[in-house]
Amino acid sequence: MRNFIKTFALVFLFAFAQVLFATIALAQTDRATLEGAVTDSTGGTIAGADVRIVEVLTGISQERKTNASGYYRFPGLAVGESTVTVSNTSFKTKVLDHVILLVGEPIPLTYPWRWLG
């Protein structure tokens, strides 16, 4: 009887682990990632630029600053249409409408900026 209980417990734990890991894996597959770098017209990177993404359907927004290499990343975004705005005090604000985010496909957005004036 003890062996039966041990075997049942092991089978139950294995099945539970499978369900748990499958649920976690499925939960991550309905999201998208937006990433890229902000550069000037010569290809130099812009550190500290403000990047904002707004989901068109819900109006939910997120903001990030570019790092020292001008890089930004927005993981875990809802799929669908978004608007991306990039701004900095020394450059013209850039608005990118109709950015379509797809499941599991990182969307690279790297674009040059123009100086103000």
PDB file of N, CA and C in Angstrom:
ATOM      1  N   MET A   1       0.812  -1.194   0.000  1.00  0.00           N
ATOM      2  CA  MET A   1       0.000   0.000   0.000  1.00  0.00           C
ATOM      3  C   MET A   1       0.862   1.267   0.000  1.00  0.00           C
ATOM      4  N   ARG A   2       1.979   1.237   0.738  1.00  0.00           N
ATOM      5  CA  ARG A   2       2.861   2.400   0.788  1.00  0.00           C
ATOM      6  C   ARG A   2       3.428   2.735  -0.585  1.00  0.00           C
ATOM      7  N   ASN A   3       3.816   1.705  -1.309  1.00  0.00           N
ATOM      8  CA  ASN A   3       4.360   1.942  -2.645  1.00  0.00           C
ATOM      9  C   ASN A   3       3.321   2.572  -3.558  1.00  0.00           C
ATOM     10  N   PHE A   4       2.072   2.141  -3.417  1.00  0.00           N
ATOM     11  CA  PHE A   4       1.000   2.718  -4.224  1.00  0.00           C
ATOM     12  C   PHE A   4       0.839   4.203  -3.911  1.00  0.00           C
ATOM     13  N   ILE A   5       0.869   4.564  -2.646  1.00  0.00           N
ATOM     14  CA  ILE A   5       0.716   5.967  -2.248  1.00  0.00           C
ATOM     15  C   ILE A   5       1.889   6.798  -2.758  1.00  0.00           C
ATOM     16  N   LYS A   6       3.114   6.270  -2.626  1.00  0.00           N
ATOM     17  CA  LYS A   6       4.291   6.980  -3.128  1.00  0.00           C
ATOM     18  C   LYS A   6       4.205   7.166  -4.641  1.00  0.00           C
ATOM     19  N   THR A   7       3.819   6.119  -5.337  1.00  0.00           N
ATOM     20  CA  THR A   7       3.695   6.193  -6.794  1.00  0.00           C
ATOM     21  C   THR A   7       2.616   7.191  -7.193  1.00  0.00           C
ATOM     22  N   PHE A   8       1.472   7.124  -6.507  1.00  0.00           N
ATOM     23  CA  PHE A   8       0.386   8.061  -6.798  1.00  0.00           C
ATOM     24  C   PHE A   8       0.823   9.502  -6.549  1.00  0.00           C
ATOM     25  N   ALA A   9       1.531   9.726  -5.445  1.00  0.00           N
ATOM     26  CA  ALA A   9       2.002  11.073  -5.116  1.00  0.00           C
ATOM     27  C   ALA A   9       2.974  11.579  -6.182  1.00  0.00           C
ATOM     28  N   LEU A  10       3.879  10.742  -6.636  1.00  0.00           N
ATOM     29  CA  LEU A  10       4.830  11.149  -7.674  1.00  0.00           C
ATOM     30  C   LEU A  10       4.127  11.457  -8.988  1.00  0.00           C
ATOM     31  N   VAL A  11       3.174  10.615  -9.366  1.00  0.00           N
ATOM     32  CA  VAL A  11       2.421  10.845 -10.597  1.00  0.00           C
ATOM     33  C   VAL A  11       1.623  12.147 -10.491  1.00  0.00           C
ATOM     34  N   PHE A  12       0.997  12.376  -9.336  1.00  0.00           N
ATOM     35  CA  PHE A  12       0.232  13.595  -9.128  1.00  0.00           C
ATOM     36  C   PHE A  12       1.131  14.825  -9.217  1.00  0.00           C
ATOM     37  N   LEU A  13       2.278  14.802  -8.561  1.00  0.00           N
ATOM     38  CA  LEU A  13       3.208  15.934  -8.602  1.00  0.00           C
ATOM     39  C   LEU A  13       3.717  16.186 -10.022  1.00  0.00           C
ATOM     40  N   PHE A  14       4.017  15.122 -10.747  1.00  0.00           N
ATOM     41  CA  PHE A  14       4.475  15.270 -12.126  1.00  0.00           C
ATOM     42  C   PHE A  14       3.384  15.899 -12.995  1.00  0.00           C
ATOM     43  N   ALA A  15       2.151  15.427 -12.853  1.00  0.00           N
ATOM     44  CA  ALA A  15       1.038  15.983 -13.631  1.00  0.00           C
ATOM     45  C   ALA A  15       0.795  17.447 -13.262  1.00  0.00           C
ATOM     46  N   PHE A  16       0.854  17.766 -11.979  1.00  0.00           N
ATOM     47  CA  PHE A  16       0.666  19.141 -11.532  1.00  0.00           C
ATOM     48  C   PHE A  16       1.752  20.059 -12.114  1.00  0.00           C
ATOM     49  N   ALA A  17       3.003  19.594 -12.098  1.00  0.00           N
ATOM     50  CA  ALA A  17       4.109  20.384 -12.656  1.00  0.00           C
ATOM     51  C   ALA A  17       3.904  20.621 -14.146  1.00  0.00           C
ATOM     52  N   GLN A  18       3.443  19.614 -14.869  1.00  0.00           N
ATOM     53  CA  GLN A  18       3.198  19.762 -16.300  1.00  0.00           C
ATOM     54  C   GLN A  18       2.132  20.821 -16.569  1.00  0.00           C
ATOM     55  N   VAL A  19       1.053  20.773 -15.820  1.00  0.00           N
ATOM     56  CA  VAL A  19      -0.024  21.756 -15.985  1.00  0.00           C
ATOM     57  C   VAL A  19       0.478  23.148 -15.637  1.00  0.00           C
ATOM     58  N   LEU A  20       1.233  23.270 -14.563  1.00  0.00           N
ATOM     59  CA  LEU A  20       1.762  24.568 -14.144  1.00  0.00           C
ATOM     60  C   LEU A  20       2.677  25.162 -15.209  1.00  0.00           C
ATOM     61  N   PHE A  21       3.624  24.394 -15.709  1.00  0.00           N
ATOM     62  CA  PHE A  21       4.561  24.898 -16.716  1.00  0.00           C
ATOM     63  C   PHE A  21       3.862  25.196 -18.039  1.00  0.00           C
ATOM     64  N   ALA A  22       2.881  24.394 -18.401  1.00  0.00           N
ATOM     65  CA  ALA A  22       2.138  24.665 -19.634  1.00  0.00           C
ATOM     66  C   ALA A  22       1.359  25.965 -19.509  1.00  0.00           C
ATOM     67  N   THR A  23       0.783  26.228 -18.345  1.00  0.00           N
ATOM     68  CA  THR A  23       0.039  27.463 -18.121  1.00  0.00           C
ATOM     69  C   THR A  23       0.958  28.671 -18.204  1.00  0.00           C
ATOM     70  N   ILE A  24       2.127  28.575 -17.605  1.00  0.00           N
ATOM     71  CA  ILE A  24       3.096  29.679 -17.663  1.00  0.00           C
ATOM     72  C   ILE A  24       3.529  29.919 -19.096  1.00  0.00           C
ATOM     73  N   ALA A  25       3.820  28.869 -19.838  1.00  0.00           N
ATOM     74  CA  ALA A  25       4.256  29.018 -21.219  1.00  0.00           C
ATOM     75  C   ALA A  25       3.174  29.645 -22.086  1.00  0.00           C
ATOM     76  N   LEU A  26       1.935  29.234 -21.907  1.00  0.00           N
ATOM     77  CA  LEU A  26       0.840  29.797 -22.692  1.00  0.00           C
ATOM     78  C   LEU A  26       0.593  31.254 -22.340  1.00  0.00           C
ATOM     79  N   ALA A  27       0.781  31.619 -21.103  1.00  0.00           N
ATOM     80  CA  ALA A  27       0.536  32.997 -20.670  1.00  0.00           C
ATOM     81  C   ALA A  27       1.514  33.965 -21.314  1.00  0.00           C
ATOM     82  N   GLN A  28       2.675  33.491 -21.695  1.00  0.00           N
ATOM     83  CA  GLN A  28       3.678  34.365 -22.273  1.00  0.00           C
ATOM     84  C   GLN A  28       3.567  34.485 -23.782  1.00  0.00           C
ATOM     85  N   THR A  29       2.795  33.656 -24.416  1.00  0.00           N
ATOM     86  CA  THR A  29       2.763  33.657 -25.870  1.00  0.00           C
ATOM     87  C   THR A  29       1.772  34.636 -26.464  1.00  0.00           C
ATOM     88  N   ASP A  30       1.005  35.339 -25.645  1.00  0.00           N
ATOM     89  CA  ASP A  30       0.055  36.294 -26.206  1.00  0.00           C
ATOM     90  C   ASP A  30       0.562  37.727 -26.081  1.00  0.00           C
ATOM     91  N   ARG A  31       1.847  37.897 -25.949  1.00  0.00           N
ATOM     92  CA  ARG A  31       2.446  39.211 -25.757  1.00  0.00           C
ATOM     93  C   ARG A  31       3.469  39.524 -26.839  1.00  0.00           C
ATOM     94  N   ALA A  32       3.759  40.796 -26.967  1.00  0.00           N
ATOM     95  CA  ALA A  32       4.719  41.264 -27.967  1.00  0.00           C
ATOM     96  C   ALA A  32       5.790  42.105 -27.287  1.00  0.00           C
ATOM     97  N   THR A  33       6.874  42.359 -28.009  1.00  0.00           N
ATOM     98  CA  THR A  33       7.980  43.166 -27.509  1.00  0.00           C
ATOM     99  C   THR A  33       8.322  44.235 -28.529  1.00  0.00           C
ATOM    100  N   LEU A  34       8.505  45.447 -28.050  1.00  0.00           N
ATOM    101  CA  LEU A  34       8.968  46.554 -28.893  1.00  0.00           C
ATOM    102  C   LEU A  34      10.334  46.954 -28.375  1.00  0.00           C
ATOM    103  N   GLU A  35      11.317  47.037 -29.261  1.00  0.00           N
ATOM    104  CA  GLU A  35      12.662  47.412 -28.853  1.00  0.00           C
ATOM    105  C   GLU A  35      13.372  48.112 -29.993  1.00  0.00           C
ATOM    106  N   GLY A  36      14.408  48.849 -29.656  1.00  0.00           N
ATOM    107  CA  GLY A  36      15.164  49.529 -30.686  1.00  0.00           C
ATOM    108  C   GLY A  36      16.147  50.516 -30.092  1.00  0.00           C
ATOM    109  N   ALA A  37      16.650  51.376 -30.936  1.00  0.00           N
ATOM    110  CA  ALA A  37      17.597  52.390 -30.503  1.00  0.00           C
ATOM    111  C   ALA A  37      17.200  53.722 -31.117  1.00  0.00           C
ATOM    112  N   VAL A  38      17.474  54.779 -30.394  1.00  0.00           N
ATOM    113  CA  VAL A  38      17.213  56.126 -30.880  1.00  0.00           C
ATOM    114  C   VAL A  38      18.563  56.723 -31.261  1.00  0.00           C
ATOM    115  N   THR A  39      18.659  57.188 -32.508  1.00  0.00           N
ATOM    116  CA  THR A  39      19.914  57.743 -33.013  1.00  0.00           C
ATOM    117  C   THR A  39      19.669  59.113 -33.636  1.00  0.00           C
ATOM    118  N   ASP A  40      20.758  59.855 -33.845  1.00  0.00           N
ATOM    119  CA  ASP A  40      20.630  61.108 -34.588  1.00  0.00           C
ATOM    120  C   ASP A  40      20.881  60.820 -36.063  1.00  0.00           C
ATOM    121  N   SER A  41      20.848  61.841 -36.887  1.00  0.00           N
ATOM    122  CA  SER A  41      20.968  61.648 -38.337  1.00  0.00           C
ATOM    123  C   SER A  41      22.336  61.125 -38.759  1.00  0.00           C
ATOM    124  N   THR A  42      23.338  61.213 -37.877  1.00  0.00           N
ATOM    125  CA  THR A  42      24.666  60.690 -38.208  1.00  0.00           C
ATOM    126  C   THR A  42      24.866  59.270 -37.705  1.00  0.00           C
ATOM    127  N   GLY A  43      23.869  58.732 -37.005  1.00  0.00           N
ATOM    128  CA  GLY A  43      23.983  57.382 -36.456  1.00  0.00           C
ATOM    129  C   GLY A  43      24.422  57.355 -35.006  1.00  0.00           C
ATOM    130  N   GLY A  44      24.699  58.526 -34.421  1.00  0.00           N
ATOM    131  CA  GLY A  44      25.071  58.579 -33.007  1.00  0.00           C
ATOM    132  C   GLY A  44      23.867  58.271 -32.138  1.00  0.00           C
ATOM    133  N   THR A  45      24.078  57.562 -31.056  1.00  0.00           N
ATOM    134  CA  THR A  45      22.963  57.176 -30.191  1.00  0.00           C
ATOM    135  C   THR A  45      22.560  58.311 -29.262  1.00  0.00           C
ATOM    136  N   ILE A  46      21.294  58.317 -28.881  1.00  0.00           N
ATOM    137  CA  ILE A  46      20.727  59.343 -28.006  1.00  0.00           C
ATOM    138  C   ILE A  46      20.383  58.697 -26.663  1.00  0.00           C
ATOM    139  N   ALA A  47      21.173  58.990 -25.640  1.00  0.00           N
ATOM    140  CA  ALA A  47      20.897  58.482 -24.295  1.00  0.00           C
ATOM    141  C   ALA A  47      19.879  59.392 -23.620  1.00  0.00           C
ATOM    142  N   GLY A  48      19.006  58.811 -22.818  1.00  0.00           N
ATOM    143  CA  GLY A  48      18.047  59.582 -22.031  1.00  0.00           C
ATOM    144  C   GLY A  48      16.839  60.097 -22.793  1.00  0.00           C
ATOM    145  N   ALA A  49      16.612  59.613 -24.011  1.00  0.00           N
ATOM    146  CA  ALA A  49      15.413  60.011 -24.766  1.00  0.00           C
ATOM    147  C   ALA A  49      14.191  59.335 -24.135  1.00  0.00           C
ATOM    148  N   ASP A  50      13.066  60.022 -24.186  1.00  0.00           N
ATOM    149  CA  ASP A  50      11.818  59.476 -23.663  1.00  0.00           C
ATOM    150  C   ASP A  50      11.085  58.735 -24.768  1.00  0.00           C
ATOM    151  N   VAL A  51      10.761  57.470 -24.518  1.00  0.00           N
ATOM    152  CA  VAL A  51      10.007  56.658 -25.469  1.00  0.00           C
ATOM    153  C   VAL A  51       8.702  56.265 -24.780  1.00  0.00           C
ATOM    154  N   ARG A  52       7.592  56.535 -25.449  1.00  0.00           N
ATOM    155  CA  ARG A  52       6.273  56.241 -24.884  1.00  0.00           C
ATOM    156  C   ARG A  52       5.485  55.424 -25.893  1.00  0.00           C
ATOM    157  N   ILE A  53       4.826  54.372 -25.412  1.00  0.00           N
ATOM    158  CA  ILE A  53       3.963  53.575 -26.268  1.00  0.00           C
ATOM    159  C   ILE A  53       2.555  53.588 -25.678  1.00  0.00           C
ATOM    160  N   VAL A  54       1.561  53.780 -26.549  1.00  0.00           N
ATOM    161  CA  VAL A  54       0.159  53.810 -26.125  1.00  0.00           C
ATOM    162  C   VAL A  54      -0.605  52.777 -26.954  1.00  0.00           C
ATOM    163  N   GLU A  55      -1.292  51.871 -26.269  1.00  0.00           N
ATOM    164  CA  GLU A  55      -2.146  50.912 -26.953  1.00  0.00           C
ATOM    165  C   GLU A  55      -3.384  51.666 -27.440  1.00  0.00           C
ATOM    166  N   VAL A  56      -3.647  51.609 -28.742  1.00  0.00           N
ATOM    167  CA  VAL A  56      -4.746  52.372 -29.322  1.00  0.00           C
ATOM    168  C   VAL A  56      -6.095  51.935 -28.763  1.00  0.00           C
ATOM    169  N   LEU A  57      -6.313  50.637 -28.630  1.00  0.00           N
ATOM    170  CA  LEU A  57      -7.610  50.120 -28.201  1.00  0.00           C
ATOM    171  C   LEU A  57      -7.941  50.467 -26.751  1.00  0.00           C
ATOM    172  N   THR A  58      -6.951  50.383 -25.865  1.00  0.00           N
ATOM    173  CA  THR A  58      -7.209  50.575 -24.436  1.00  0.00           C
ATOM    174  C   THR A  58      -6.760  51.926 -23.899  1.00  0.00           C
ATOM    175  N   GLY A  59      -5.828  52.573 -24.588  1.00  0.00           N
ATOM    176  CA  GLY A  59      -5.273  53.829 -24.086  1.00  0.00           C
ATOM    177  C   GLY A  59      -4.215  53.636 -23.016  1.00  0.00           C
ATOM    178  N   ILE A  60      -3.878  52.398 -22.705  1.00  0.00           N
ATOM    179  CA  ILE A  60      -2.848  52.118 -21.696  1.00  0.00           C
ATOM    180  C   ILE A  60      -1.485  52.509 -22.267  1.00  0.00           C
ATOM    181  N   SER A  61      -0.697  53.208 -21.453  1.00  0.00           N
ATOM    182  CA  SER A  61       0.602  53.664 -21.930  1.00  0.00           C
ATOM    183  C   SER A  61       1.713  53.229 -20.985  1.00  0.00           C
ATOM    184  N   GLN A  62       2.914  53.154 -21.548  1.00  0.00           N
ATOM    185  CA  GLN A  62       4.128  52.873 -20.791  1.00  0.00           C
ATOM    186  C   GLN A  62       5.207  53.818 -21.289  1.00  0.00           C
ATOM    187  N   GLU A  63       6.124  54.178 -20.404  1.00  0.00           N
ATOM    188  CA  GLU A  63       7.226  55.062 -20.786  1.00  0.00           C
ATOM    189  C   GLU A  63       8.545  54.479 -20.313  1.00  0.00           C
ATOM    190  N   ARG A  64       9.566  54.711 -21.112  1.00  0.00           N
ATOM    191  CA  ARG A  64      10.928  54.305 -20.773  1.00  0.00           C
ATOM    192  C   ARG A  64      11.882  55.403 -21.255  1.00  0.00           C
ATOM    193  N   LYS A  65      13.064  55.445 -20.663  1.00  0.00           N
ATOM    194  CA  LYS A  65      14.139  56.288 -21.158  1.00  0.00           C
ATOM    195  C   LYS A  65      15.157  55.372 -21.827  1.00  0.00           C
ATOM    196  N   THR A  66      15.774  55.873 -22.892  1.00  0.00           N
ATOM    197  CA  THR A  66      16.826  55.083 -23.530  1.00  0.00           C
ATOM    198  C   THR A  66      18.040  55.030 -22.613  1.00  0.00           C
ATOM    199  N   ASN A  67      18.782  53.930 -22.701  1.00  0.00           N
ATOM    200  CA  ASN A  67      19.971  53.777 -21.863  1.00  0.00           C
ATOM    201  C   ASN A  67      21.161  54.518 -22.490  1.00  0.00           C
ATOM    202  N   ALA A  68      22.340  54.318 -21.976  1.00  0.00           N
ATOM    203  CA  ALA A  68      23.539  55.012 -22.457  1.00  0.00           C
ATOM    204  C   ALA A  68      23.842  54.713 -23.926  1.00  0.00           C
ATOM    205  N   SER A  69      23.347  53.581 -24.422  1.00  0.00           N
ATOM    206  CA  SER A  69      23.551  53.208 -25.828  1.00  0.00           C
ATOM    207  C   SER A  69      22.372  53.608 -26.708  1.00  0.00           C
ATOM    208  N   GLY A  70      21.418  54.356 -26.158  1.00  0.00           N
ATOM    209  CA  GLY A  70      20.248  54.776 -26.920  1.00  0.00           C
ATOM    210  C   GLY A  70      19.205  53.686 -27.071  1.00  0.00           C
ATOM    211  N   TYR A  71      19.371  52.579 -26.358  1.00  0.00           N
ATOM    212  CA  TYR A  71      18.505  51.404 -26.497  1.00  0.00           C
ATOM    213  C   TYR A  71      17.304  51.496 -25.558  1.00  0.00           C
ATOM    214  N   TYR A  72      16.164  50.983 -26.028  1.00  0.00           N
ATOM    215  CA  TYR A  72      14.965  50.861 -25.202  1.00  0.00           C
ATOM    216  C   TYR A  72      14.306  49.520 -25.489  1.00  0.00           C
ATOM    217  N   ARG A  73      13.487  49.066 -24.546  1.00  0.00           N
ATOM    218  CA  ARG A  73      12.788  47.778 -24.707  1.00  0.00           C
ATOM    219  C   ARG A  73      11.503  47.805 -23.898  1.00  0.00           C
ATOM    220  N   PHE A  74      10.418  47.381 -24.524  1.00  0.00           N
ATOM    221  CA  PHE A  74       9.116  47.239 -23.882  1.00  0.00           C
ATOM    222  C   PHE A  74       8.666  45.791 -24.033  1.00  0.00           C
ATOM    223  N   PRO A  75       8.956  44.914 -23.082  1.00  0.00           N
ATOM    224  CA  PRO A  75       8.475  43.532 -23.176  1.00  0.00           C
ATOM    225  C   PRO A  75       7.049  43.417 -22.639  1.00  0.00           C
ATOM    226  N   GLY A  76       6.367  42.346 -23.004  1.00  0.00           N
ATOM    227  CA  GLY A  76       5.064  42.035 -22.427  1.00  0.00           C
ATOM    228  C   GLY A  76       3.932  42.955 -22.844  1.00  0.00           C
ATOM    229  N   LEU A  77       3.996  43.491 -24.054  1.00  0.00           N
ATOM    230  CA  LEU A  77       2.945  44.379 -24.541  1.00  0.00           C
ATOM    231  C   LEU A  77       1.782  43.582 -25.125  1.00  0.00           C
ATOM    232  N   ALA A  78       0.601  44.143 -25.042  1.00  0.00           N
ATOM    233  CA  ALA A  78      -0.562  43.522 -25.683  1.00  0.00           C
ATOM    234  C   ALA A  78      -0.410  43.630 -27.198  1.00  0.00           C
ATOM    235  N   VAL A  79      -0.866  42.613 -27.908  1.00  0.00           N
ATOM    236  CA  VAL A  79      -0.799  42.651 -29.370  1.00  0.00           C
ATOM    237  C   VAL A  79      -1.839  43.644 -29.891  1.00  0.00           C
ATOM    238  N   GLY A  80      -1.590  44.146 -31.082  1.00  0.00           N
ATOM    239  CA  GLY A  80      -2.514  45.091 -31.687  1.00  0.00           C
ATOM    240  C   GLY A  80      -1.806  46.374 -32.092  1.00  0.00           C
ATOM    241  N   GLU A  81      -2.611  47.396 -32.324  1.00  0.00           N
ATOM    242  CA  GLU A  81      -2.091  48.672 -32.820  1.00  0.00           C
ATOM    243  C   GLU A  81      -1.677  49.582 -31.670  1.00  0.00           C
ATOM    244  N   SER A  82      -0.528  50.224 -31.848  1.00  0.00           N
ATOM    245  CA  SER A  82      -0.013  51.153 -30.846  1.00  0.00           C
ATOM    246  C   SER A  82       0.524  52.400 -31.524  1.00  0.00           C
ATOM    247  N   THR A  83       0.697  53.441 -30.725  1.00  0.00           N
ATOM    248  CA  THR A  83       1.354  54.668 -31.160  1.00  0.00           C
ATOM    249  C   THR A  83       2.601  54.841 -30.310  1.00  0.00           C
ATOM    250  N   VAL A  84       3.728  55.109 -30.964  1.00  0.00           N
ATOM    251  CA  VAL A  84       4.999  55.291 -30.268  1.00  0.00           C
ATOM    252  C   VAL A  84       5.439  56.739 -30.435  1.00  0.00           C
ATOM    253  N   THR A  85       5.803  57.369 -29.328  1.00  0.00           N
ATOM    254  CA  THR A  85       6.290  58.748 -29.351  1.00  0.00           C
ATOM    255  C   THR A  85       7.683  58.781 -28.735  1.00  0.00           C
ATOM    256  N   VAL A  86       8.603  59.446 -29.430  1.00  0.00           N
ATOM    257  CA  VAL A  86       9.969  59.604 -28.933  1.00  0.00           C
ATOM    258  C   VAL A  86      10.233  61.095 -28.800  1.00  0.00           C
ATOM    259  N   SER A  87      10.733  61.499 -27.643  1.00  0.00           N
ATOM    260  CA  SER A  87      10.999  62.924 -27.431  1.00  0.00           C
ATOM    261  C   SER A  87      12.272  63.131 -26.630  1.00  0.00           C
ATOM    262  N   ASN A  88      12.817  64.323 -26.801  1.00  0.00           N
ATOM    263  CA  ASN A  88      14.023  64.748 -26.111  1.00  0.00           C
ATOM    264  C   ASN A  88      14.094  66.261 -26.253  1.00  0.00           C
ATOM    265  N   THR A  89      14.677  66.952 -25.308  1.00  0.00           N
ATOM    266  CA  THR A  89      14.690  68.411 -25.347  1.00  0.00           C
ATOM    267  C   THR A  89      15.473  68.980 -26.525  1.00  0.00           C
ATOM    268  N   SER A  90      16.436  68.251 -27.059  1.00  0.00           N
ATOM    269  CA  SER A  90      17.269  68.767 -28.158  1.00  0.00           C
ATOM    270  C   SER A  90      16.781  68.368 -29.546  1.00  0.00           C
ATOM    271  N   PHE A  91      15.750  67.526 -29.626  1.00  0.00           N
ATOM    272  CA  PHE A  91      15.319  67.001 -30.902  1.00  0.00           C
ATOM    273  C   PHE A  91      13.822  67.203 -31.103  1.00  0.00           C
ATOM    274  N   LYS A  92      13.399  67.135 -32.347  1.00  0.00           N
ATOM    275  CA  LYS A  92      11.972  67.190 -32.653  1.00  0.00           C
ATOM    276  C   LYS A  92      11.302  65.915 -32.163  1.00  0.00           C
ATOM    277  N   THR A  93      10.091  66.049 -31.644  1.00  0.00           N
ATOM    278  CA  THR A  93       9.326  64.886 -31.202  1.00  0.00           C
ATOM    279  C   THR A  93       8.898  64.076 -32.416  1.00  0.00           C
ATOM    280  N   LYS A  94       9.061  62.786 -32.319  1.00  0.00           N
ATOM    281  CA  LYS A  94       8.697  61.874 -33.411  1.00  0.00           C
ATOM    282  C   LYS A  94       7.533  61.012 -32.950  1.00  0.00           C
ATOM    283  N   VAL A  95       6.444  61.011 -33.737  1.00  0.00           N
ATOM    284  CA  VAL A  95       5.275  60.177 -33.438  1.00  0.00           C
ATOM    285  C   VAL A  95       5.121  59.149 -34.552  1.00  0.00           C
ATOM    286  N   LEU A  96       5.052  57.899 -34.163  1.00  0.00           N
ATOM    287  CA  LEU A  96       4.864  56.806 -35.116  1.00  0.00           C
ATOM    288  C   LEU A  96       3.503  56.173 -34.847  1.00  0.00           C
ATOM    289  N   ASP A  97       2.556  56.413 -35.743  1.00  0.00           N
ATOM    290  CA  ASP A  97       1.216  55.836 -35.622  1.00  0.00           C
ATOM    291  C   ASP A  97       1.164  54.479 -36.306  1.00  0.00           C
ATOM    292  N   HIS A  98       0.153  53.713 -35.957  1.00  0.00           N
ATOM    293  CA  HIS A  98      -0.150  52.429 -36.609  1.00  0.00           C
ATOM    294  C   HIS A  98       1.006  51.427 -36.510  1.00  0.00           C
ATOM    295  N   VAL A  99       1.661  51.371 -35.359  1.00  0.00           N
ATOM    296  CA  VAL A  99       2.680  50.349 -35.114  1.00  0.00           C
ATOM    297  C   VAL A  99       1.925  49.092 -34.690  1.00  0.00           C
ATOM    298  N   ILE A 100       2.059  48.031 -35.469  1.00  0.00           N
ATOM    299  CA  ILE A 100       1.328  46.791 -35.218  1.00  0.00           C
ATOM    300  C   ILE A 100       2.240  45.814 -34.482  1.00  0.00           C
ATOM    301  N   LEU A 101       1.816  45.416 -33.286  1.00  0.00           N
ATOM    302  CA  LEU A 101       2.558  44.462 -32.474  1.00  0.00           C
ATOM    303  C   LEU A 101       1.951  43.076 -32.649  1.00  0.00           C
ATOM    304  N   LEU A 102       2.804  42.093 -32.919  1.00  0.00           N
ATOM    305  CA  LEU A 102       2.363  40.722 -33.163  1.00  0.00           C
ATOM    306  C   LEU A 102       2.841  39.794 -32.060  1.00  0.00           C
ATOM    307  N   VAL A 103       2.140  38.690 -31.884  1.00  0.00           N
ATOM    308  CA  VAL A 103       2.463  37.711 -30.846  1.00  0.00           C
ATOM    309  C   VAL A 103       3.857  37.145 -31.047  1.00  0.00           C
ATOM    310  N   GLY A 104       4.656  37.213 -29.986  1.00  0.00           N
ATOM    311  CA  GLY A 104       5.953  36.554 -29.982  1.00  0.00           C
ATOM    312  C   GLY A 104       6.983  37.093 -30.946  1.00  0.00           C
ATOM    313  N   GLU A 105       6.709  38.177 -31.637  1.00  0.00           N
ATOM    314  CA  GLU A 105       7.673  38.730 -32.585  1.00  0.00           C
ATOM    315  C   GLU A 105       8.166  40.079 -32.086  1.00  0.00           C
ATOM    316  N   PRO A 106       9.441  40.165 -31.696  1.00  0.00           N
ATOM    317  CA  PRO A 106       9.960  41.467 -31.292  1.00  0.00           C
ATOM    318  C   PRO A 106       9.908  42.439 -32.474  1.00  0.00           C
ATOM    319  N   ILE A 107       9.421  43.622 -32.242  1.00  0.00           N
ATOM    320  CA  ILE A 107       9.333  44.639 -33.283  1.00  0.00           C
ATOM    321  C   ILE A 107      10.498  45.599 -33.094  1.00  0.00           C
ATOM    322  N   PRO A 108      11.471  45.584 -34.019  1.00  0.00           N
ATOM    323  CA  PRO A 108      12.597  46.506 -33.867  1.00  0.00           C
ATOM    324  C   PRO A 108      12.255  47.867 -34.469  1.00  0.00           C
ATOM    325  N   LEU A 109      12.288  48.893 -33.656  1.00  0.00           N
ATOM    326  CA  LEU A 109      12.074  50.258 -34.136  1.00  0.00           C
ATOM    327  C   LEU A 109      13.312  51.078 -33.816  1.00  0.00           C
ATOM    328  N   THR A 110      14.125  51.294 -34.808  1.00  0.00           N
ATOM    329  CA  THR A 110      15.306  52.137 -34.674  1.00  0.00           C
ATOM    330  C   THR A 110      15.169  53.225 -35.717  1.00  0.00           C
ATOM    331  N   TYR A 111      15.242  54.458 -35.284  1.00  0.00           N
ATOM    332  CA  TYR A 111      15.003  55.542 -36.227  1.00  0.00           C
ATOM    333  C   TYR A 111      15.881  56.739 -35.905  1.00  0.00           C
ATOM    334  N   PRO A 112      16.291  57.444 -36.948  1.00  0.00           N
ATOM    335  CA  PRO A 112      17.129  58.632 -36.744  1.00  0.00           C
ATOM    336  C   PRO A 112      16.249  59.828 -36.393  1.00  0.00           C
ATOM    337  N   TRP A 113      16.825  60.759 -35.676  1.00  0.00           N
ATOM    338  CA  TRP A 113      16.156  61.979 -35.259  1.00  0.00           C
ATOM    339  C   TRP A 113      16.784  63.185 -35.886  1.00  0.00           C
ATOM    340  N   ARG A 114      16.023  64.248 -35.958  1.00  0.00           N
ATOM    341  CA  ARG A 114      16.557  65.515 -36.462  1.00  0.00           C
ATOM    342  C   ARG A 114      16.638  66.516 -35.322  1.00  0.00           C
ATOM    343  N   TRP A 115      17.674  67.304 -35.342  1.00  0.00           N
ATOM    344  CA  TRP A 115      17.858  68.339 -34.322  1.00  0.00           C
ATOM    345  C   TRP A 115      16.776  69.401 -34.451  1.00  0.00           C
ATOM    346  N   LEU A 116      16.448  70.045 -33.366  1.00  0.00           N
ATOM    347  CA  LEU A 116      15.541  71.184 -33.401  1.00  0.00           C
ATOM    348  C   LEU A 116      16.223  72.359 -34.089  1.00  0.00           C
ATOM    349  N   GLY A 117      15.413  73.171 -34.731  1.00  0.00           N
ATOM    350  CA  GLY A 117      15.976  74.405 -35.287  1.00  0.00           C
ATOM    351  C   GLY A 117      16.262  74.391 -36.727  1.00  0.00           C
TER     352      GLY A 117
END
